């Protein structure tokens, strides 16, 4: 059975790995000419994604490439003394298993996991999909596949082709995200520096292993702004305006907008669809259920979604009419939970009031000062993301060559 996946970032390569393990013939098409190494930004892998990665045999490589960010220095705008927190104390208390890694590093690891077993078509994209599985490409000759999966992000080309230009609905959470690359010289190894003000948050981190640094810029907007997702000059100007006068350090980060080798900008928007499947086509990760970049745990959700989709296709013997509905049922609660987490995280990360700014700083101080036991109890009680991901019940599908009893599931704390 031949399956085509569009997108080679996170969900696509994970799905390709598991489909190959189940005996499917897999092709991945990716618009970028090579595996992406443009910088990207740090993403979080929570317990379910760590468990799945361990089953894939790539956990050691992930742990070798973690960012190594150890300290958080939080600078409230207009206030005096910064707050310094040991991040490992927060991560260890909030999640039983966690890793922070650059997105492009993670993508490379997942691609390599089945690179010799899966066909990759880089520098190409899909232009048409027929109900019978016929696919046309920009460059490659037309081919036929039994199934097509869109794993090509929130601006999914597959979703547009299969569901139409206005498929589903989007909910603007009220904020925007920008990421740019900075010279390594501006970073302090292992430190995350964050300036927080009302309606805007600017952070910067780096490490000796990265060879450069990243600035992460989030700001609130009462409405969606007129800006195409490929209009980079307009996006950079929006960031300059939003963070004007915040701090001299932030001004230096913004100076790099004119020469940054890598740049990302998008609205923090949730994608909502009644179904992620139509005929022989289905969607996975941000292409089908983006909870919001940077705030909703979308990387972990993409890994989980890819794993479950492959497992349900294997369980149904490739019968998509059975597998696709089962996949959607299995993911429904996880998607709803991630959406709720995104709303909560956005309110915390980008405070709407001076009280919120002060509360964020004082909360960090309190968490850092508590002993391990009370700190863990407080974070797991108050942090929605920790509660969500630590409680996810992920099926453990039987895989040829792995000792995996059918019907078991990953442990839940």
Foldseek 3Di string as FASTA:
>chain_A
DEEEEEDLFFLRLLLVLLLVLLPYAYEYEYQAQDQDDQFAAKAKAADVLLVSCVVLVLNVVQVVAFQLQFKEWEAEFPDDHIFIFGVVLQPVLLGVDMTIHGRSSNSVSSCVSCVVPHHYHYNKDWDAADLCQWTDIPPDHIDGGQFYEYAHAQCTPVCCRQPNDCAFDKAFLFKKKKKFWAAQVLADANYKYWYAYAFKIKIKHHHPVSRTIMIMIMGGDPDDDPDDQPRLVVQLVVRCVRCPPRDVSVVVVSVCSVPTSDMGMDTFMWGDHPFQDDRRYGYAFRNHTRLGPPFQSRSNRSSLLSNQLSLLCSVVVNPCVRSRVVSCVLCVVLSVLSNVRRSVRVCQNNPNDPVSSVVNRVVSVVLRPDPSPVSSVVSNVPRSVSVSSLARWGAFHDGPPDPTDHPHTDDHD
